[in-house]
């Protein structure tokens, strides 16, 4: 085991910014109003399971279709770049359809809101530069934060307010933008 605090912190911050659980509080509150209750523990557990499983089998899936991790990381850097633009500019580039026939705990909350395309791409991108055990710890820490935020989302909204949530989104958007540029430059060197 090669635990590295800096890698854990970096992976945690990248995933936290991509998952954007704080910025999704308005969506979570809206879901609660539509369906009643959301099982916070189950949502965090399902999202964490999806992310950890994808962390292990994602690379194998890529190799089956002939894509190396560095290429996937460069593609992932573009996705992170666009997610960051959404957060900073307050625009929506990706729209997902809501399906109210399924339970909100699993869909759309655990997947694709938490463990969606952005976070799954990010995991494989992180795997290209960090040790897997550090990424797993970062995923588990994010799941803990997700659980706490889901459990206390209405209180958080009252404390921070809508403007506070917007400020947090923009700050994490800038951080995510810088991370996407670093991810691109470090992996493009390997491809060239």
C-alpha atoms as a PDB file:
ATOM      1  CA  UNK A   1       0.000   0.000   0.000  1.00  0.00           C
ATOM      2  CA  UNK A   2       1.350   3.359  -1.049  1.00  0.00           C
ATOM      3  CA  UNK A   3      -0.762   5.932   0.810  1.00  0.00           C
ATOM      4  CA  UNK A   4       0.018   9.529  -0.066  1.00  0.00           C
ATOM      5  CA  UNK A   5      -1.851  12.355   1.675  1.00  0.00           C
ATOM      6  CA  UNK A   6      -1.277  14.774  -1.220  1.00  0.00           C
ATOM      7  CA  UNK A   7      -2.710  12.301  -3.742  1.00  0.00           C
ATOM      8  CA  UNK A   8      -5.707  11.600  -1.502  1.00  0.00           C
ATOM      9  CA  UNK A   9      -6.338  15.323  -1.054  1.00  0.00           C
ATOM     10  CA  UNK A  10      -5.973  16.052  -4.778  1.00  0.00           C
ATOM     11  CA  UNK A  11      -8.243  13.162  -5.794  1.00  0.00           C
ATOM     12  CA  UNK A  12     -10.762  14.148  -3.114  1.00  0.00           C
ATOM     13  CA  UNK A  13     -10.859  17.771  -4.268  1.00  0.00           C
ATOM     14  CA  UNK A  14     -11.164  16.845  -7.955  1.00  0.00           C
ATOM     15  CA  UNK A  15     -14.009  14.406  -7.286  1.00  0.00           C
ATOM     16  CA  UNK A  16     -15.688  16.840  -4.886  1.00  0.00           C
ATOM     17  CA  UNK A  17     -15.615  19.547  -7.560  1.00  0.00           C
ATOM     18  CA  UNK A  18     -16.887  17.223 -10.308  1.00  0.00           C
ATOM     19  CA  UNK A  19     -19.633  15.638  -8.209  1.00  0.00           C
ATOM     20  CA  UNK A  20     -20.554  19.161  -7.005  1.00  0.00           C
ATOM     21  CA  UNK A  21     -22.802  17.899  -4.222  1.00  0.00           C
ATOM     22  CA  UNK A  22     -23.067  21.382  -2.675  1.00  0.00           C
ATOM     23  CA  UNK A  23     -24.085  22.893  -6.016  1.00  0.00           C
ATOM     24  CA  UNK A  24     -26.660  20.126  -6.435  1.00  0.00           C
ATOM     25  CA  UNK A  25     -28.459  20.987  -3.174  1.00  0.00           C
ATOM     26  CA  UNK A  26     -31.255  22.801  -5.085  1.00  0.00           C
ATOM     27  CA  UNK A  27     -31.772  19.668  -7.236  1.00  0.00           C
ATOM     28  CA  UNK A  28     -31.762  17.458  -4.125  1.00  0.00           C
ATOM     29  CA  UNK A  29     -34.326  19.688  -2.417  1.00  0.00           C
ATOM     30  CA  UNK A  30     -36.491  19.633  -5.554  1.00  0.00           C
ATOM     31  CA  UNK A  31     -36.312  15.816  -5.661  1.00  0.00           C
ATOM     32  CA  UNK A  32     -37.313  15.603  -1.999  1.00  0.00           C
ATOM     33  CA  UNK A  33     -40.328  17.790  -2.679  1.00  0.00           C
ATOM     34  CA  UNK A  34     -41.361  15.614  -5.639  1.00  0.00           C
ATOM     35  CA  UNK A  35     -40.889  12.153  -4.105  1.00  0.00           C
ATOM     36  CA  UNK A  36     -41.019  12.762  -0.369  1.00  0.00           C
ATOM     37  CA  UNK A  37     -37.941  11.172   1.171  1.00  0.00           C
ATOM     38  CA  UNK A  38     -34.542  10.193  -0.165  1.00  0.00           C
ATOM     39  CA  UNK A  39     -32.505   7.470   1.518  1.00  0.00           C
ATOM     40  CA  UNK A  40     -29.200   9.349   2.022  1.00  0.00           C
ATOM     41  CA  UNK A  41     -27.192   6.286   3.061  1.00  0.00           C
ATOM     42  CA  UNK A  42     -28.398   4.173   0.166  1.00  0.00           C
ATOM     43  CA  UNK A  43     -27.717   6.938  -2.375  1.00  0.00           C
ATOM     44  CA  UNK A  44     -24.143   7.457  -1.095  1.00  0.00           C
ATOM     45  CA  UNK A  45     -23.495   3.692  -0.969  1.00  0.00           C
ATOM     46  CA  UNK A  46     -24.787   3.055  -4.506  1.00  0.00           C
ATOM     47  CA  UNK A  47     -22.849   6.004  -5.931  1.00  0.00           C
ATOM     48  CA  UNK A  48     -19.660   4.891  -4.139  1.00  0.00           C
ATOM     49  CA  UNK A  49     -20.075   1.312  -5.344  1.00  0.00           C
ATOM     50  CA  UNK A  50     -20.535   2.437  -8.957  1.00  0.00           C
ATOM     51  CA  UNK A  51     -17.422   4.636  -8.755  1.00  0.00           C
ATOM     52  CA  UNK A  52     -15.175   1.988  -7.138  1.00  0.00           C
ATOM     53  CA  UNK A  53     -16.321  -0.759  -9.525  1.00  0.00           C
ATOM     54  CA  UNK A  54     -15.741   1.519 -12.512  1.00  0.00           C
ATOM     55  CA  UNK A  55     -12.317   2.419 -11.148  1.00  0.00           C
ATOM     56  CA  UNK A  56     -11.351  -1.272 -11.381  1.00  0.00           C
ATOM     57  CA  UNK A  57     -13.122  -2.400 -14.570  1.00  0.00           C
ATOM     58  CA  UNK A  58     -13.128   0.863 -16.517  1.00  0.00           C
ATOM     59  CA  UNK A  59      -9.556   0.374 -17.747  1.00  0.00           C
ATOM     60  CA  UNK A  60     -10.359  -3.193 -18.874  1.00  0.00           C
ATOM     61  CA  UNK A  61     -13.409  -1.986 -20.761  1.00  0.00           C
ATOM     62  CA  UNK A  62     -11.246   0.621 -22.483  1.00  0.00           C
ATOM     63  CA  UNK A  63      -8.607  -1.924 -23.437  1.00  0.00           C
ATOM     64  CA  UNK A  64     -11.273  -4.179 -24.965  1.00  0.00           C
ATOM     65  CA  UNK A  65     -12.325  -1.347 -27.263  1.00  0.00           C
ATOM     66  CA  UNK A  66      -8.703  -0.303 -27.901  1.00  0.00           C
ATOM     67  CA  UNK A  67      -8.366   2.963 -25.962  1.00  0.00           C
ATOM     68  CA  UNK A  68      -5.433   3.623 -23.620  1.00  0.00           C
ATOM     69  CA  UNK A  69      -5.807   5.411 -20.272  1.00  0.00           C
ATOM     70  CA  UNK A  70      -3.872   8.490 -21.426  1.00  0.00           C
ATOM     71  CA  UNK A  71      -6.267   9.028 -24.345  1.00  0.00           C
ATOM     72  CA  UNK A  72      -9.207   8.588 -21.984  1.00  0.00           C
ATOM     73  CA  UNK A  73      -7.604  11.052 -19.553  1.00  0.00           C
ATOM     74  CA  UNK A  74      -7.234  13.666 -22.311  1.00  0.00           C
ATOM     75  CA  UNK A  75     -10.880  13.130 -23.275  1.00  0.00           C
ATOM     76  CA  UNK A  76     -11.767  13.353 -19.577  1.00  0.00           C
ATOM     77  CA  UNK A  77      -9.917  16.654 -19.288  1.00  0.00           C
ATOM     78  CA  UNK A  78     -12.252  18.081 -21.940  1.00  0.00           C
ATOM     79  CA  UNK A  79     -15.297  16.896 -19.986  1.00  0.00           C
ATOM     80  CA  UNK A  80     -13.896  18.437 -16.787  1.00  0.00           C
ATOM     81  CA  UNK A  81     -13.223  21.637 -18.729  1.00  0.00           C
ATOM     82  CA  UNK A  82     -16.858  21.869 -19.845  1.00  0.00           C
ATOM     83  CA  UNK A  83     -18.181  20.999 -16.370  1.00  0.00           C
ATOM     84  CA  UNK A  84     -15.985  23.789 -14.992  1.00  0.00           C
ATOM     85  CA  UNK A  85     -17.393  26.208 -17.572  1.00  0.00           C
ATOM     86  CA  UNK A  86     -20.918  25.249 -16.515  1.00  0.00           C
ATOM     87  CA  UNK A  87     -20.038  25.934 -12.883  1.00  0.00           C
ATOM     88  CA  UNK A  88     -18.252  29.242 -13.546  1.00  0.00           C
ATOM     89  CA  UNK A  89     -20.594  30.708 -16.166  1.00  0.00           C
ATOM     90  CA  UNK A  90     -23.838  29.315 -14.744  1.00  0.00           C
ATOM     91  CA  UNK A  91     -24.826  27.726 -18.051  1.00  0.00           C
ATOM     92  CA  UNK A  92     -26.086  24.225 -18.792  1.00  0.00           C
ATOM     93  CA  UNK A  93     -24.311  22.314 -21.535  1.00  0.00           C
ATOM     94  CA  UNK A  94     -25.514  18.841 -20.495  1.00  0.00           C
ATOM     95  CA  UNK A  95     -29.165  18.169 -19.770  1.00  0.00           C
ATOM     96  CA  UNK A  96     -30.347  14.876 -18.357  1.00  0.00           C
ATOM     97  CA  UNK A  97     -33.899  13.620 -18.492  1.00  0.00           C
ATOM     98  CA  UNK A  98     -35.581  13.027 -15.182  1.00  0.00           C
ATOM     99  CA  UNK A  99     -37.391   9.736 -14.788  1.00  0.00           C
ATOM    100  CA  UNK A 100     -39.838   9.952 -11.885  1.00  0.00           C
ATOM    101  CA  UNK A 101     -40.999   6.354 -12.295  1.00  0.00           C
ATOM    102  CA  UNK A 102     -37.812   5.068 -10.646  1.00  0.00           C
ATOM    103  CA  UNK A 103     -36.947   5.835  -7.059  1.00  0.00           C
ATOM    104  CA  UNK A 104     -35.097   9.134  -6.701  1.00  0.00           C
ATOM    105  CA  UNK A 105     -32.537   7.543  -4.387  1.00  0.00           C
ATOM    106  CA  UNK A 106     -31.050   5.476  -7.212  1.00  0.00           C
ATOM    107  CA  UNK A 107     -32.040   7.467 -10.284  1.00  0.00           C
ATOM    108  CA  UNK A 108     -31.326  10.318 -10.890  1.00  0.00           C
ATOM    109  CA  UNK A 109     -29.540  10.940  -7.564  1.00  0.00           C
ATOM    110  CA  UNK A 110     -26.944   8.134  -7.150  1.00  0.00           C
ATOM    111  CA  UNK A 111     -26.679   7.737 -10.924  1.00  0.00           C
ATOM    112  CA  UNK A 112     -26.155   9.932 -12.957  1.00  0.00           C
ATOM    113  CA  UNK A 113     -26.147  12.982 -10.646  1.00  0.00           C
ATOM    114  CA  UNK A 114     -23.406  11.744  -8.263  1.00  0.00           C
ATOM    115  CA  UNK A 115     -21.764   8.846 -10.141  1.00  0.00           C
ATOM    116  CA  UNK A 116     -22.277  10.256 -13.600  1.00  0.00           C
ATOM    117  CA  UNK A 117     -20.207  10.654 -16.736  1.00  0.00           C
ATOM    118  CA  UNK A 118     -18.070  13.408 -15.227  1.00  0.00           C
ATOM    119  CA  UNK A 119     -17.101  11.523 -12.074  1.00  0.00           C
ATOM    120  CA  UNK A 120     -16.497   8.225 -13.907  1.00  0.00           C
ATOM    121  CA  UNK A 121     -14.282   9.916 -16.488  1.00  0.00           C
ATOM    122  CA  UNK A 122     -12.483  11.703 -13.677  1.00  0.00           C
ATOM    123  CA  UNK A 123     -11.787   8.414 -11.886  1.00  0.00           C
ATOM    124  CA  UNK A 124     -10.023   6.926 -14.890  1.00  0.00           C
ATOM    125  CA  UNK A 125      -8.190  10.186 -15.471  1.00  0.00           C
ATOM    126  CA  UNK A 126      -7.018  10.189 -11.849  1.00  0.00           C
ATOM    127  CA  UNK A 127      -5.971   6.564 -12.169  1.00  0.00           C
ATOM    128  CA  UNK A 128      -3.544   7.598 -14.894  1.00  0.00           C
ATOM    129  CA  UNK A 129      -1.612   9.785 -12.419  1.00  0.00           C
ATOM    130  CA  UNK A 130      -2.402   8.530  -8.876  1.00  0.00           C
ATOM    131  CA  UNK A 131      -2.186   5.279  -6.893  1.00  0.00           C
ATOM    132  CA  UNK A 132      -5.466   3.348  -6.845  1.00  0.00           C
ATOM    133  CA  UNK A 133      -5.625   3.045  -3.025  1.00  0.00           C
ATOM    134  CA  UNK A 134      -5.431   6.835  -2.690  1.00  0.00           C
ATOM    135  CA  UNK A 135      -8.278   7.259  -5.184  1.00  0.00           C
ATOM    136  CA  UNK A 136     -10.419   4.706  -3.295  1.00  0.00           C
ATOM    137  CA  UNK A 137      -9.901   6.641  -0.049  1.00  0.00           C
ATOM    138  CA  UNK A 138     -10.857   9.856  -1.872  1.00  0.00           C
ATOM    139  CA  UNK A 139     -14.028   8.162  -3.207  1.00  0.00           C
ATOM    140  CA  UNK A 140     -14.957   6.930   0.292  1.00  0.00           C
ATOM    141  CA  UNK A 141     -14.366  10.391   1.779  1.00  0.00           C
ATOM    142  CA  UNK A 142     -16.539  11.913  -0.934  1.00  0.00           C
ATOM    143  CA  UNK A 143     -19.266   9.352  -0.177  1.00  0.00           C
ATOM    144  CA  UNK A 144     -19.143  10.414   3.466  1.00  0.00           C
ATOM    145  CA  UNK A 145     -19.507  14.066   2.437  1.00  0.00           C
ATOM    146  CA  UNK A 146     -22.323  13.123   0.042  1.00  0.00           C
ATOM    147  CA  UNK A 147     -24.139  11.295   2.831  1.00  0.00           C
ATOM    148  CA  UNK A 148     -23.771  14.254   5.219  1.00  0.00           C
ATOM    149  CA  UNK A 149     -24.901  16.767   2.589  1.00  0.00           C
ATOM    150  CA  UNK A 150     -27.913  14.652   1.582  1.00  0.00           C
ATOM    151  CA  UNK A 151     -28.859  14.211   5.230  1.00  0.00           C
ATOM    152  CA  UNK A 152     -28.617  17.943   5.982  1.00  0.00           C
ATOM    153  CA  UNK A 153     -29.402  19.503   2.577  1.00  0.00           C
ATOM    154  CA  UNK A 154     -32.352  21.607   3.726  1.00  0.00           C
ATOM    155  CA  UNK A 155     -30.385  22.969   6.700  1.00  0.00           C
ATOM    156  CA  UNK A 156     -27.370  23.709   4.493  1.00  0.00           C
ATOM    157  CA  UNK A 157     -29.521  25.656   2.044  1.00  0.00           C
ATOM    158  CA  UNK A 158     -30.951  27.762   4.868  1.00  0.00           C
ATOM    159  CA  UNK A 159     -27.475  28.477   6.307  1.00  0.00           C
ATOM    160  CA  UNK A 160     -25.585  29.177   3.058  1.00  0.00           C
ATOM    161  CA  UNK A 161     -28.430  30.619   1.037  1.00  0.00           C
ATOM    162  CA  UNK A 162     -28.802  30.544  -2.734  1.00  0.00           C
ATOM    163  CA  UNK A 163     -26.072  33.151  -3.243  1.00  0.00           C
ATOM    164  CA  UNK A 164     -23.662  31.174  -1.060  1.00  0.00           C
ATOM    165  CA  UNK A 165     -24.269  28.035  -3.108  1.00  0.00           C
ATOM    166  CA  UNK A 166     -23.583  29.975  -6.311  1.00  0.00           C
ATOM    167  CA  UNK A 167     -20.312  31.370  -4.902  1.00  0.00           C
ATOM    168  CA  UNK A 168     -19.157  27.877  -3.862  1.00  0.00           C
ATOM    169  CA  UNK A 169     -19.973  26.543  -7.348  1.00  0.00           C
ATOM    170  CA  UNK A 170     -17.897  29.260  -8.987  1.00  0.00           C
ATOM    171  CA  UNK A 171     -14.909  28.720  -6.682  1.00  0.00           C
ATOM    172  CA  UNK A 172     -14.900  24.975  -7.340  1.00  0.00           C
ATOM    173  CA  UNK A 173     -15.423  25.688 -11.042  1.00  0.00           C
ATOM    174  CA  UNK A 174     -12.173  27.664 -11.211  1.00  0.00           C
ATOM    175  CA  UNK A 175     -10.316  24.924  -9.291  1.00  0.00           C
ATOM    176  CA  UNK A 176     -11.747  22.292 -11.628  1.00  0.00           C
ATOM    177  CA  UNK A 177     -10.752  24.346 -14.686  1.00  0.00           C
ATOM    178  CA  UNK A 178      -7.137  24.485 -13.487  1.00  0.00           C
ATOM    179  CA  UNK A 179      -7.176  20.735 -12.771  1.00  0.00           C
ATOM    180  CA  UNK A 180      -8.532  19.974 -16.259  1.00  0.00           C
ATOM    181  CA  UNK A 181      -5.707  21.977 -17.854  1.00  0.00           C
ATOM    182  CA  UNK A 182      -3.111  20.132 -15.737  1.00  0.00           C
ATOM    183  CA  UNK A 183      -4.686  16.762 -16.581  1.00  0.00           C
ATOM    184  CA  UNK A 184      -4.619  17.618 -20.281  1.00  0.00           C
ATOM    185  CA  UNK A 185      -1.001  18.780 -20.339  1.00  0.00           C
ATOM    186  CA  UNK A 186       0.347  15.853 -18.292  1.00  0.00           C
ATOM    187  CA  UNK A 187      -1.385  13.210 -20.441  1.00  0.00           C
ATOM    188  CA  UNK A 188      -0.943  14.811 -23.848  1.00  0.00           C
ATOM    189  CA  UNK A 189       2.844  14.528 -23.324  1.00  0.00           C
ATOM    190  CA  UNK A 190       2.482  10.750 -22.991  1.00  0.00           C
ATOM    191  CA  UNK A 191       0.504  10.552 -26.246  1.00  0.00           C
ATOM    192  CA  UNK A 192       2.932  12.688 -28.221  1.00  0.00           C
END
